[in-house]
N, C-alpha and C. Protein backbone atom coordinates (compact mmCIF):
# COMPACT_ATOMS: atom_id res chain seq x y z
N MET A 1 114.66 -16.33 -163.99
CA MET A 1 115.93 -15.66 -164.19
C MET A 1 115.73 -14.30 -164.85
N ARG A 2 116.60 -13.38 -164.50
CA ARG A 2 116.63 -12.08 -165.17
C ARG A 2 117.71 -12.18 -166.26
N ILE A 3 117.30 -12.03 -167.51
CA ILE A 3 118.18 -12.29 -168.65
C ILE A 3 118.29 -11.06 -169.53
N LEU A 4 119.52 -10.62 -169.78
CA LEU A 4 119.80 -9.52 -170.70
C LEU A 4 120.07 -10.13 -172.07
N VAL A 5 119.31 -9.71 -173.08
CA VAL A 5 119.48 -10.22 -174.44
C VAL A 5 119.93 -9.07 -175.34
N ALA A 6 121.22 -9.04 -175.65
CA ALA A 6 121.74 -8.02 -176.56
C ALA A 6 121.46 -8.48 -177.98
N GLY A 7 120.73 -7.65 -178.72
CA GLY A 7 120.32 -8.05 -180.07
C GLY A 7 119.05 -8.86 -180.07
N GLY A 8 118.24 -8.69 -179.05
CA GLY A 8 117.03 -9.50 -178.91
C GLY A 8 115.98 -9.25 -179.97
N ALA A 9 116.07 -8.13 -180.69
CA ALA A 9 115.08 -7.83 -181.73
C ALA A 9 115.48 -8.41 -183.09
N GLY A 10 116.71 -8.94 -183.20
CA GLY A 10 117.18 -9.50 -184.46
C GLY A 10 116.76 -10.94 -184.64
N LEU A 11 117.15 -11.52 -185.78
CA LEU A 11 116.74 -12.89 -186.10
C LEU A 11 117.29 -13.89 -185.09
N VAL A 12 118.58 -13.79 -184.75
CA VAL A 12 119.17 -14.73 -183.80
C VAL A 12 118.58 -14.48 -182.42
N GLY A 13 118.40 -13.22 -182.05
CA GLY A 13 117.82 -12.90 -180.75
C GLY A 13 116.42 -13.47 -180.59
N LYS A 14 115.59 -13.34 -181.61
CA LYS A 14 114.24 -13.89 -181.55
C LYS A 14 114.27 -15.41 -181.45
N ALA A 15 115.22 -16.03 -182.17
CA ALA A 15 115.36 -17.49 -182.09
C ALA A 15 115.79 -17.90 -180.68
N ALA A 16 116.73 -17.15 -180.10
CA ALA A 16 117.19 -17.46 -178.75
C ALA A 16 116.06 -17.37 -177.74
N ILE A 17 115.30 -16.31 -177.82
CA ILE A 17 114.20 -16.10 -176.88
C ILE A 17 113.14 -17.18 -177.02
N SER A 18 112.93 -17.66 -178.26
CA SER A 18 111.90 -18.67 -178.50
C SER A 18 112.16 -19.97 -177.75
N GLY A 19 113.43 -20.24 -177.42
CA GLY A 19 113.75 -21.49 -176.75
C GLY A 19 113.71 -21.42 -175.24
N LEU A 20 113.63 -20.21 -174.69
CA LEU A 20 113.65 -20.08 -173.24
C LEU A 20 112.28 -20.36 -172.64
N ARG A 21 112.28 -20.93 -171.46
CA ARG A 21 111.02 -21.23 -170.78
C ARG A 21 110.29 -19.94 -170.41
N ALA A 22 109.01 -20.03 -170.28
CA ALA A 22 108.21 -18.88 -169.86
C ALA A 22 108.57 -18.51 -168.42
N GLY A 23 108.39 -17.26 -168.10
CA GLY A 23 108.58 -16.82 -166.73
C GLY A 23 109.87 -16.08 -166.48
N HIS A 24 110.78 -16.06 -167.44
CA HIS A 24 112.00 -15.29 -167.28
C HIS A 24 111.70 -13.80 -167.42
N ASP A 25 112.49 -12.99 -166.76
CA ASP A 25 112.40 -11.54 -166.88
C ASP A 25 113.42 -11.11 -167.92
N LEU A 26 112.96 -10.82 -169.14
CA LEU A 26 113.85 -10.50 -170.25
C LEU A 26 114.04 -9.00 -170.38
N VAL A 27 115.30 -8.59 -170.53
CA VAL A 27 115.64 -7.20 -170.82
C VAL A 27 116.31 -7.19 -172.18
N ILE A 28 115.70 -6.51 -173.13
CA ILE A 28 116.20 -6.49 -174.50
C ILE A 28 117.05 -5.25 -174.72
N ALA A 29 118.27 -5.45 -175.20
CA ALA A 29 119.17 -4.34 -175.51
C ALA A 29 119.47 -4.33 -176.99
N GLY A 30 119.60 -3.15 -177.57
CA GLY A 30 119.90 -3.05 -178.99
C GLY A 30 120.42 -1.68 -179.35
N ARG A 31 121.01 -1.60 -180.53
CA ARG A 31 121.56 -0.33 -180.98
C ARG A 31 120.45 0.68 -181.28
N ASN A 32 119.35 0.18 -181.85
CA ASN A 32 118.27 1.08 -182.26
C ASN A 32 116.92 0.77 -181.63
N SER A 33 116.82 -0.31 -180.88
CA SER A 33 115.54 -0.68 -180.29
C SER A 33 115.77 -1.47 -179.02
N GLY A 34 114.69 -1.73 -178.29
CA GLY A 34 114.78 -2.52 -177.07
C GLY A 34 114.48 -1.71 -175.83
N ASP A 35 114.62 -2.37 -174.69
CA ASP A 35 114.37 -1.73 -173.40
C ASP A 35 115.49 -0.76 -173.04
N VAL A 36 116.69 -1.04 -173.53
CA VAL A 36 117.84 -0.18 -173.27
C VAL A 36 118.70 -0.16 -174.53
N LYS A 37 119.25 1.01 -174.85
CA LYS A 37 120.06 1.17 -176.06
C LYS A 37 121.53 0.93 -175.71
N VAL A 38 122.25 0.33 -176.66
CA VAL A 38 123.67 0.08 -176.44
C VAL A 38 124.39 -0.06 -177.78
N ASP A 39 125.61 0.45 -177.83
CA ASP A 39 126.52 0.22 -178.94
C ASP A 39 127.63 -0.66 -178.39
N LEU A 40 127.63 -1.93 -178.75
CA LEU A 40 128.57 -2.88 -178.14
C LEU A 40 130.01 -2.59 -178.51
N MET A 41 130.25 -1.81 -179.54
CA MET A 41 131.62 -1.46 -179.92
C MET A 41 132.17 -0.30 -179.08
N ASP A 42 131.32 0.31 -178.30
CA ASP A 42 131.69 1.47 -177.47
C ASP A 42 131.68 1.03 -176.01
N GLU A 43 132.86 0.95 -175.41
CA GLU A 43 132.96 0.46 -174.03
C GLU A 43 132.12 1.29 -173.06
N ALA A 44 132.12 2.61 -173.25
CA ALA A 44 131.34 3.48 -172.36
C ALA A 44 129.85 3.18 -172.48
N SER A 45 129.40 2.88 -173.70
CA SER A 45 127.99 2.56 -173.91
C SER A 45 127.62 1.24 -173.24
N VAL A 46 128.51 0.26 -173.32
CA VAL A 46 128.27 -1.05 -172.68
C VAL A 46 128.23 -0.87 -171.16
N ALA A 47 129.18 -0.11 -170.63
CA ALA A 47 129.20 0.13 -169.18
C ALA A 47 127.93 0.84 -168.72
N ALA A 48 127.48 1.82 -169.50
CA ALA A 48 126.27 2.55 -169.15
C ALA A 48 125.04 1.65 -169.19
N MET A 49 125.02 0.74 -170.16
CA MET A 49 123.90 -0.21 -170.24
C MET A 49 123.84 -1.07 -168.99
N TYR A 50 124.98 -1.61 -168.58
CA TYR A 50 124.99 -2.46 -167.39
C TYR A 50 124.57 -1.66 -166.15
N GLN A 51 125.00 -0.42 -166.05
CA GLN A 51 124.59 0.41 -164.91
C GLN A 51 123.08 0.61 -164.90
N ALA A 52 122.51 0.81 -166.09
CA ALA A 52 121.07 1.04 -166.18
C ALA A 52 120.27 -0.23 -165.88
N VAL A 53 120.78 -1.36 -166.31
CA VAL A 53 120.05 -2.63 -166.17
C VAL A 53 120.18 -3.21 -164.77
N GLY A 54 121.35 -3.09 -164.18
CA GLY A 54 121.59 -3.69 -162.86
C GLY A 54 121.95 -5.16 -162.97
N LYS A 55 121.84 -5.88 -161.88
CA LYS A 55 122.26 -7.28 -161.83
C LYS A 55 121.36 -8.17 -162.69
N VAL A 56 121.99 -9.15 -163.36
CA VAL A 56 121.26 -10.13 -164.16
C VAL A 56 121.80 -11.52 -163.87
N ASP A 57 121.03 -12.52 -164.26
CA ASP A 57 121.46 -13.91 -164.08
C ASP A 57 122.12 -14.48 -165.34
N ALA A 58 121.79 -13.90 -166.48
CA ALA A 58 122.36 -14.38 -167.74
C ALA A 58 122.43 -13.25 -168.74
N VAL A 59 123.45 -13.33 -169.60
CA VAL A 59 123.62 -12.37 -170.71
C VAL A 59 123.72 -13.17 -171.99
N LEU A 60 122.89 -12.83 -172.97
CA LEU A 60 122.93 -13.45 -174.29
C LEU A 60 123.42 -12.41 -175.29
N ALA A 61 124.44 -12.75 -176.05
CA ALA A 61 124.96 -11.88 -177.11
C ALA A 61 124.50 -12.45 -178.44
N CYS A 62 123.49 -11.81 -179.01
CA CYS A 62 122.89 -12.29 -180.27
C CYS A 62 123.08 -11.24 -181.35
N THR A 63 124.23 -10.65 -181.40
CA THR A 63 124.44 -9.49 -182.26
C THR A 63 125.81 -9.52 -182.90
N GLY A 64 125.97 -8.68 -183.90
CA GLY A 64 127.28 -8.53 -184.54
C GLY A 64 127.23 -8.82 -186.02
N HIS A 65 127.96 -8.01 -186.77
CA HIS A 65 128.03 -8.16 -188.23
C HIS A 65 129.48 -8.37 -188.64
N SER A 66 129.67 -9.18 -189.65
CA SER A 66 131.00 -9.38 -190.23
C SER A 66 130.94 -8.99 -191.70
N HIS A 67 132.11 -8.90 -192.31
CA HIS A 67 132.18 -8.49 -193.72
C HIS A 67 132.17 -9.71 -194.63
N PHE A 68 131.29 -9.70 -195.60
CA PHE A 68 131.27 -10.74 -196.62
C PHE A 68 131.81 -10.16 -197.92
N GLY A 69 132.83 -10.80 -198.46
CA GLY A 69 133.42 -10.34 -199.72
C GLY A 69 134.67 -11.14 -200.03
N PRO A 70 135.12 -11.12 -201.29
CA PRO A 70 136.30 -11.89 -201.68
C PRO A 70 137.55 -11.43 -200.93
N VAL A 71 138.38 -12.37 -200.52
CA VAL A 71 139.62 -12.03 -199.83
C VAL A 71 140.49 -11.14 -200.72
N SER A 72 140.48 -11.41 -202.03
CA SER A 72 141.33 -10.64 -202.94
C SER A 72 140.93 -9.18 -203.06
N GLU A 73 139.73 -8.86 -202.61
CA GLU A 73 139.25 -7.48 -202.69
C GLU A 73 139.03 -6.85 -201.32
N MET A 74 139.23 -7.61 -200.26
CA MET A 74 138.93 -7.13 -198.91
C MET A 74 140.04 -6.22 -198.40
N SER A 75 139.66 -5.11 -197.83
CA SER A 75 140.64 -4.19 -197.25
C SER A 75 140.85 -4.54 -195.78
N PRO A 76 142.00 -4.16 -195.23
CA PRO A 76 142.20 -4.36 -193.80
C PRO A 76 141.11 -3.67 -192.96
N LYS A 77 140.64 -2.52 -193.40
CA LYS A 77 139.60 -1.82 -192.66
C LYS A 77 138.31 -2.63 -192.64
N GLN A 78 137.92 -3.21 -193.77
CA GLN A 78 136.71 -4.04 -193.81
C GLN A 78 136.84 -5.22 -192.87
N PHE A 79 138.03 -5.84 -192.86
CA PHE A 79 138.25 -6.98 -191.97
C PHE A 79 138.18 -6.53 -190.52
N PHE A 80 138.84 -5.42 -190.21
CA PHE A 80 138.88 -4.93 -188.84
C PHE A 80 137.51 -4.48 -188.35
N ASP A 81 136.71 -3.91 -189.25
CA ASP A 81 135.35 -3.51 -188.87
C ASP A 81 134.54 -4.70 -188.39
N GLY A 82 134.70 -5.85 -189.05
CA GLY A 82 134.03 -7.06 -188.61
C GLY A 82 134.50 -7.51 -187.24
N LEU A 83 135.82 -7.42 -187.03
CA LEU A 83 136.37 -7.80 -185.72
C LEU A 83 135.80 -6.91 -184.61
N LYS A 84 135.74 -5.60 -184.88
CA LYS A 84 135.22 -4.68 -183.86
C LYS A 84 133.76 -4.96 -183.56
N ASP A 85 132.99 -5.27 -184.59
CA ASP A 85 131.55 -5.43 -184.42
C ASP A 85 131.20 -6.77 -183.77
N LYS A 86 131.36 -7.85 -184.50
CA LYS A 86 130.88 -9.14 -183.99
C LYS A 86 131.78 -9.73 -182.91
N LEU A 87 133.10 -9.61 -183.08
CA LEU A 87 134.00 -10.22 -182.10
C LEU A 87 134.11 -9.38 -180.83
N MET A 88 134.63 -8.16 -180.96
CA MET A 88 134.84 -7.35 -179.76
C MET A 88 133.53 -6.88 -179.15
N GLY A 89 132.50 -6.69 -179.95
CA GLY A 89 131.21 -6.32 -179.38
C GLY A 89 130.73 -7.35 -178.37
N GLN A 90 130.85 -8.63 -178.73
CA GLN A 90 130.42 -9.69 -177.81
C GLN A 90 131.38 -9.85 -176.64
N ILE A 91 132.67 -9.75 -176.91
CA ILE A 91 133.64 -9.89 -175.82
C ILE A 91 133.52 -8.72 -174.84
N ASN A 92 133.21 -7.52 -175.35
CA ASN A 92 132.98 -6.38 -174.46
C ASN A 92 131.87 -6.69 -173.46
N LEU A 93 130.83 -7.38 -173.93
CA LEU A 93 129.72 -7.75 -173.04
C LEU A 93 130.21 -8.60 -171.87
N VAL A 94 131.18 -9.47 -172.14
CA VAL A 94 131.70 -10.33 -171.09
C VAL A 94 132.65 -9.57 -170.17
N LEU A 95 133.65 -8.93 -170.76
CA LEU A 95 134.69 -8.28 -169.95
C LEU A 95 134.11 -7.18 -169.07
N LEU A 96 133.15 -6.44 -169.60
CA LEU A 96 132.57 -5.34 -168.84
C LEU A 96 131.36 -5.77 -168.01
N GLY A 97 130.93 -7.02 -168.20
CA GLY A 97 129.72 -7.48 -167.53
C GLY A 97 129.92 -8.43 -166.37
N LEU A 98 131.16 -8.86 -166.13
CA LEU A 98 131.39 -9.87 -165.10
C LEU A 98 130.85 -9.45 -163.73
N ASN A 99 131.02 -8.20 -163.38
CA ASN A 99 130.57 -7.75 -162.06
C ASN A 99 129.06 -7.52 -162.00
N HIS A 100 128.39 -7.64 -163.13
CA HIS A 100 126.95 -7.40 -163.17
C HIS A 100 126.14 -8.69 -163.29
N VAL A 101 126.85 -9.83 -163.39
CA VAL A 101 126.19 -11.13 -163.47
C VAL A 101 126.25 -11.80 -162.10
N ASN A 102 125.12 -12.27 -161.64
CA ASN A 102 125.04 -12.91 -160.33
C ASN A 102 125.86 -14.19 -160.25
N ASP A 103 126.20 -14.59 -159.05
CA ASP A 103 126.91 -15.85 -158.83
C ASP A 103 126.14 -16.98 -159.52
N GLY A 104 126.88 -17.85 -160.21
CA GLY A 104 126.25 -18.98 -160.88
C GLY A 104 125.52 -18.61 -162.16
N GLY A 105 125.68 -17.37 -162.61
CA GLY A 105 125.02 -16.94 -163.84
C GLY A 105 125.77 -17.40 -165.08
N SER A 106 125.43 -16.80 -166.22
CA SER A 106 126.05 -17.27 -167.46
C SER A 106 126.09 -16.20 -168.54
N PHE A 107 127.04 -16.39 -169.44
CA PHE A 107 127.11 -15.64 -170.69
C PHE A 107 126.95 -16.64 -171.83
N THR A 108 126.20 -16.24 -172.87
CA THR A 108 126.11 -17.05 -174.08
C THR A 108 126.39 -16.15 -175.27
N LEU A 109 127.46 -16.48 -176.01
CA LEU A 109 127.83 -15.72 -177.19
C LEU A 109 127.31 -16.44 -178.43
N THR A 110 127.36 -15.77 -179.57
CA THR A 110 126.90 -16.36 -180.83
C THR A 110 128.04 -16.36 -181.83
N SER A 111 128.48 -17.55 -182.22
CA SER A 111 129.51 -17.67 -183.27
C SER A 111 128.83 -18.11 -184.55
N GLY A 112 129.22 -19.24 -185.13
CA GLY A 112 128.55 -19.68 -186.34
C GLY A 112 129.28 -20.80 -187.05
N VAL A 113 128.60 -21.36 -188.02
CA VAL A 113 129.04 -22.53 -188.76
C VAL A 113 130.35 -22.30 -189.52
N LEU A 114 130.63 -21.05 -189.87
CA LEU A 114 131.78 -20.79 -190.73
C LEU A 114 133.11 -21.04 -190.05
N SER A 115 133.12 -21.21 -188.74
CA SER A 115 134.38 -21.53 -188.06
C SER A 115 134.95 -22.86 -188.56
N LEU A 116 134.08 -23.75 -189.01
CA LEU A 116 134.53 -25.07 -189.47
C LEU A 116 134.07 -25.42 -190.88
N GLU A 117 133.11 -24.68 -191.43
CA GLU A 117 132.57 -24.98 -192.75
C GLU A 117 132.73 -23.76 -193.65
N PRO A 118 133.85 -23.65 -194.37
CA PRO A 118 134.11 -22.44 -195.14
C PRO A 118 133.17 -22.28 -196.34
N ILE A 119 132.92 -21.02 -196.65
CA ILE A 119 132.20 -20.67 -197.88
C ILE A 119 132.99 -19.57 -198.58
N ARG A 120 132.73 -19.39 -199.85
CA ARG A 120 133.36 -18.28 -200.57
C ARG A 120 132.87 -16.95 -199.98
N GLN A 121 133.78 -16.02 -199.86
CA GLN A 121 133.52 -14.67 -199.38
C GLN A 121 133.23 -14.60 -197.89
N GLY A 122 133.52 -15.69 -197.17
CA GLY A 122 133.21 -15.73 -195.74
C GLY A 122 134.42 -15.74 -194.82
N ALA A 123 135.60 -15.32 -195.30
CA ALA A 123 136.81 -15.43 -194.48
C ALA A 123 136.74 -14.57 -193.22
N ASN A 124 136.16 -13.38 -193.32
CA ASN A 124 136.07 -12.52 -192.14
C ASN A 124 135.15 -13.15 -191.10
N ALA A 125 133.99 -13.60 -191.53
CA ALA A 125 133.05 -14.25 -190.61
C ALA A 125 133.65 -15.51 -190.00
N ALA A 126 134.39 -16.29 -190.81
CA ALA A 126 135.00 -17.52 -190.31
C ALA A 126 136.02 -17.22 -189.22
N ALA A 127 136.84 -16.20 -189.43
CA ALA A 127 137.85 -15.83 -188.44
C ALA A 127 137.19 -15.41 -187.13
N ILE A 128 136.12 -14.65 -187.24
CA ILE A 128 135.42 -14.18 -186.04
C ILE A 128 134.73 -15.33 -185.31
N ASP A 129 134.04 -16.20 -186.06
CA ASP A 129 133.37 -17.34 -185.43
C ASP A 129 134.37 -18.23 -184.70
N GLY A 130 135.52 -18.48 -185.34
CA GLY A 130 136.55 -19.30 -184.70
C GLY A 130 137.11 -18.64 -183.45
N ALA A 131 137.31 -17.33 -183.51
CA ALA A 131 137.83 -16.61 -182.35
C ALA A 131 136.85 -16.64 -181.18
N LEU A 132 135.56 -16.47 -181.47
CA LEU A 132 134.56 -16.52 -180.40
C LEU A 132 134.52 -17.91 -179.76
N ASP A 133 134.56 -18.96 -180.59
CA ASP A 133 134.57 -20.32 -180.05
C ASP A 133 135.77 -20.52 -179.12
N SER A 134 136.95 -20.10 -179.59
CA SER A 134 138.16 -20.28 -178.77
C SER A 134 138.11 -19.46 -177.50
N PHE A 135 137.54 -18.26 -177.59
CA PHE A 135 137.43 -17.41 -176.41
C PHE A 135 136.62 -18.08 -175.31
N VAL A 136 135.44 -18.62 -175.65
CA VAL A 136 134.61 -19.21 -174.59
C VAL A 136 135.23 -20.47 -174.02
N ILE A 137 135.90 -21.26 -174.85
CA ILE A 137 136.55 -22.48 -174.36
C ILE A 137 137.62 -22.11 -173.33
N SER A 138 138.40 -21.08 -173.63
CA SER A 138 139.48 -20.68 -172.74
C SER A 138 138.98 -19.87 -171.55
N ALA A 139 138.06 -18.93 -171.79
CA ALA A 139 137.57 -18.07 -170.71
C ALA A 139 136.82 -18.86 -169.65
N ALA A 140 136.22 -19.99 -170.03
CA ALA A 140 135.44 -20.78 -169.09
C ALA A 140 136.26 -21.23 -167.88
N VAL A 141 137.55 -21.47 -168.08
CA VAL A 141 138.37 -21.97 -166.96
C VAL A 141 138.72 -20.85 -165.98
N GLU A 142 138.43 -19.59 -166.36
CA GLU A 142 138.77 -18.47 -165.49
C GLU A 142 137.55 -17.71 -164.97
N MET A 143 136.35 -18.15 -165.31
CA MET A 143 135.17 -17.42 -164.87
C MET A 143 135.04 -17.46 -163.35
N PRO A 144 134.82 -16.31 -162.72
CA PRO A 144 134.69 -16.29 -161.26
C PRO A 144 133.28 -16.65 -160.80
N ARG A 145 133.16 -16.98 -159.53
CA ARG A 145 131.89 -17.13 -158.82
C ARG A 145 130.92 -18.10 -159.49
N GLY A 146 131.46 -19.13 -160.12
CA GLY A 146 130.60 -20.14 -160.73
C GLY A 146 129.89 -19.68 -161.99
N ILE A 147 130.33 -18.58 -162.57
CA ILE A 147 129.71 -18.09 -163.81
C ILE A 147 130.12 -19.00 -164.97
N ARG A 148 129.18 -19.34 -165.81
CA ARG A 148 129.43 -20.18 -166.97
C ARG A 148 129.48 -19.33 -168.23
N ILE A 149 130.14 -19.86 -169.27
CA ILE A 149 130.18 -19.17 -170.57
C ILE A 149 130.21 -20.21 -171.68
N ASN A 150 129.36 -20.01 -172.68
CA ASN A 150 129.28 -20.90 -173.85
C ASN A 150 129.08 -20.06 -175.11
N ALA A 151 129.22 -20.73 -176.23
CA ALA A 151 128.86 -20.12 -177.52
C ALA A 151 127.84 -21.00 -178.20
N VAL A 152 126.83 -20.39 -178.78
CA VAL A 152 125.92 -21.10 -179.68
C VAL A 152 126.42 -20.84 -181.10
N SER A 153 126.59 -21.92 -181.84
CA SER A 153 127.10 -21.83 -183.21
C SER A 153 126.02 -22.29 -184.18
N PRO A 154 125.20 -21.35 -184.65
CA PRO A 154 124.13 -21.74 -185.57
C PRO A 154 124.61 -21.81 -187.01
N GLY A 155 123.92 -22.63 -187.78
CA GLY A 155 124.12 -22.61 -189.22
C GLY A 155 123.29 -21.49 -189.82
N LEU A 156 123.04 -21.58 -191.09
CA LEU A 156 122.22 -20.59 -191.79
C LEU A 156 120.79 -20.67 -191.27
N LEU A 157 120.32 -19.59 -190.66
CA LEU A 157 118.94 -19.58 -190.16
C LEU A 157 117.97 -19.60 -191.34
N ALA A 158 116.93 -20.41 -191.20
CA ALA A 158 115.92 -20.48 -192.25
C ALA A 158 115.34 -19.10 -192.54
N ALA A 159 115.18 -18.30 -191.49
CA ALA A 159 114.59 -16.97 -191.66
C ALA A 159 115.50 -16.03 -192.43
N ALA A 160 116.80 -16.36 -192.53
CA ALA A 160 117.76 -15.51 -193.25
C ALA A 160 118.20 -16.13 -194.58
N ALA A 161 117.65 -17.28 -194.93
CA ALA A 161 118.11 -18.01 -196.11
C ALA A 161 117.96 -17.18 -197.39
N GLN A 162 116.88 -16.44 -197.50
CA GLN A 162 116.67 -15.64 -198.71
C GLN A 162 117.69 -14.51 -198.80
N LYS A 163 117.99 -13.88 -197.68
CA LYS A 163 118.95 -12.77 -197.64
C LYS A 163 120.33 -13.24 -198.09
N TYR A 164 120.71 -14.46 -197.70
CA TYR A 164 122.04 -14.98 -198.02
C TYR A 164 122.00 -15.99 -199.16
N ASP A 165 121.01 -15.87 -200.00
CA ASP A 165 120.84 -16.80 -201.13
C ASP A 165 122.12 -16.85 -201.97
N GLY A 166 122.62 -18.05 -202.18
CA GLY A 166 123.81 -18.23 -202.99
C GLY A 166 125.11 -18.30 -202.20
N TYR A 167 125.11 -17.79 -200.97
CA TYR A 167 126.32 -17.80 -200.16
C TYR A 167 126.60 -19.16 -199.52
N PHE A 168 125.54 -19.93 -199.23
CA PHE A 168 125.68 -21.17 -198.47
C PHE A 168 125.21 -22.39 -199.27
N PRO A 169 125.85 -22.69 -200.42
CA PRO A 169 125.38 -23.83 -201.21
C PRO A 169 125.51 -25.15 -200.44
N GLY A 170 124.44 -25.91 -200.45
CA GLY A 170 124.44 -27.21 -199.81
C GLY A 170 124.23 -27.20 -198.31
N HIS A 171 124.12 -26.04 -197.71
CA HIS A 171 123.90 -25.97 -196.27
C HIS A 171 122.41 -26.13 -195.96
N ARG A 172 122.12 -26.89 -194.91
CA ARG A 172 120.74 -27.08 -194.49
C ARG A 172 120.34 -25.95 -193.55
N PRO A 173 119.35 -25.15 -193.93
CA PRO A 173 118.91 -24.08 -193.03
C PRO A 173 118.39 -24.67 -191.72
N VAL A 174 118.65 -23.95 -190.63
CA VAL A 174 118.19 -24.40 -189.32
C VAL A 174 117.04 -23.51 -188.85
N SER A 175 116.12 -24.10 -188.13
CA SER A 175 114.92 -23.40 -187.68
C SER A 175 115.18 -22.59 -186.42
N ASN A 176 114.29 -21.65 -186.16
CA ASN A 176 114.34 -20.91 -184.89
C ASN A 176 114.28 -21.86 -183.71
N ALA A 177 113.48 -22.92 -183.84
CA ALA A 177 113.33 -23.87 -182.74
C ALA A 177 114.65 -24.55 -182.40
N GLU A 178 115.41 -24.94 -183.42
CA GLU A 178 116.70 -25.58 -183.18
C GLU A 178 117.67 -24.64 -182.47
N VAL A 179 117.73 -23.40 -182.96
CA VAL A 179 118.63 -22.42 -182.37
C VAL A 179 118.17 -22.09 -180.95
N GLY A 180 116.86 -21.98 -180.76
CA GLY A 180 116.32 -21.71 -179.43
C GLY A 180 116.70 -22.77 -178.42
N LEU A 181 116.67 -24.03 -178.83
CA LEU A 181 117.06 -25.11 -177.93
C LEU A 181 118.52 -25.00 -177.52
N ALA A 182 119.36 -24.59 -178.45
CA ALA A 182 120.79 -24.44 -178.13
C ALA A 182 120.99 -23.35 -177.08
N PHE A 183 120.28 -22.23 -177.22
CA PHE A 183 120.39 -21.17 -176.23
C PHE A 183 119.83 -21.61 -174.88
N ALA A 184 118.73 -22.37 -174.91
CA ALA A 184 118.16 -22.88 -173.66
C ALA A 184 119.14 -23.80 -172.94
N LYS A 185 119.84 -24.62 -173.71
CA LYS A 185 120.84 -25.52 -173.11
C LYS A 185 121.92 -24.72 -172.40
N SER A 186 122.35 -23.63 -173.04
CA SER A 186 123.40 -22.81 -172.44
C SER A 186 122.91 -22.05 -171.22
N VAL A 187 121.74 -21.43 -171.32
CA VAL A 187 121.24 -20.56 -170.25
C VAL A 187 120.65 -21.36 -169.09
N GLU A 188 119.83 -22.32 -169.40
CA GLU A 188 119.09 -23.04 -168.37
C GLU A 188 119.76 -24.34 -167.94
N GLY A 189 120.75 -24.77 -168.69
CA GLY A 189 121.44 -26.01 -168.38
C GLY A 189 122.65 -25.79 -167.49
N ALA A 190 123.60 -26.73 -167.56
CA ALA A 190 124.75 -26.70 -166.65
C ALA A 190 126.09 -26.66 -167.37
N VAL A 191 126.10 -26.67 -168.70
CA VAL A 191 127.36 -26.77 -169.43
C VAL A 191 128.12 -25.45 -169.39
N THR A 192 129.44 -25.54 -169.53
CA THR A 192 130.28 -24.36 -169.64
C THR A 192 131.49 -24.68 -170.51
N GLY A 193 132.00 -23.65 -171.17
CA GLY A 193 133.14 -23.83 -172.06
C GLY A 193 132.82 -24.63 -173.29
N GLN A 194 131.54 -24.63 -173.69
CA GLN A 194 131.08 -25.45 -174.80
C GLN A 194 130.71 -24.59 -176.01
N VAL A 195 130.96 -25.14 -177.19
CA VAL A 195 130.41 -24.59 -178.43
C VAL A 195 129.23 -25.47 -178.81
N ILE A 196 128.04 -24.92 -178.66
CA ILE A 196 126.83 -25.70 -178.88
C ILE A 196 126.41 -25.51 -180.34
N ARG A 197 126.66 -26.53 -181.15
CA ARG A 197 126.44 -26.41 -182.60
C ARG A 197 125.03 -26.82 -182.97
N CYS A 198 124.42 -26.04 -183.84
CA CYS A 198 123.13 -26.43 -184.42
C CYS A 198 123.20 -26.17 -185.92
N TRP A 199 123.77 -27.17 -186.63
CA TRP A 199 123.91 -27.15 -188.07
C TRP A 199 124.22 -28.54 -188.59
């Protein structure tokens, strides 16, 4: 398969790639690195990326940042910035990419544990994770030409545990291997409209 991995150089992207079988033709896209550059918040940039890459069999969205901070101190702009980045960035990949994915292909988005397991200072991330999960469940019934769409919902990655120290008390870090298997299930399997949880 020819697979476009947006955010393939990041922690989630590397975990996703680790689970895929050998032999795929991977195209890595990123804001600052990769085979092709893209700003997922900029529709023109996403369209240009797809034009440069051409047809693919699968698209993985392993990118996006949300705002972490107390609700009592969060500004509407901080909240909206998270929506533009992690939520709309990934949805832009789908809406602008439908004509670039081959029949029977797939999209895999990345949500997260916070949609159902709240933490302090995680309201923005929780709202985005929940929205992504709901989007794939609903969008799956309208995908054309046999295209599938799923979300992988990882918990705290072991590789990021130190960075987020203190934010996720009691959460069990998940390995790259676990997250990779979830992406493999979405890309190489047959499911659609699913939130594939690994936490």
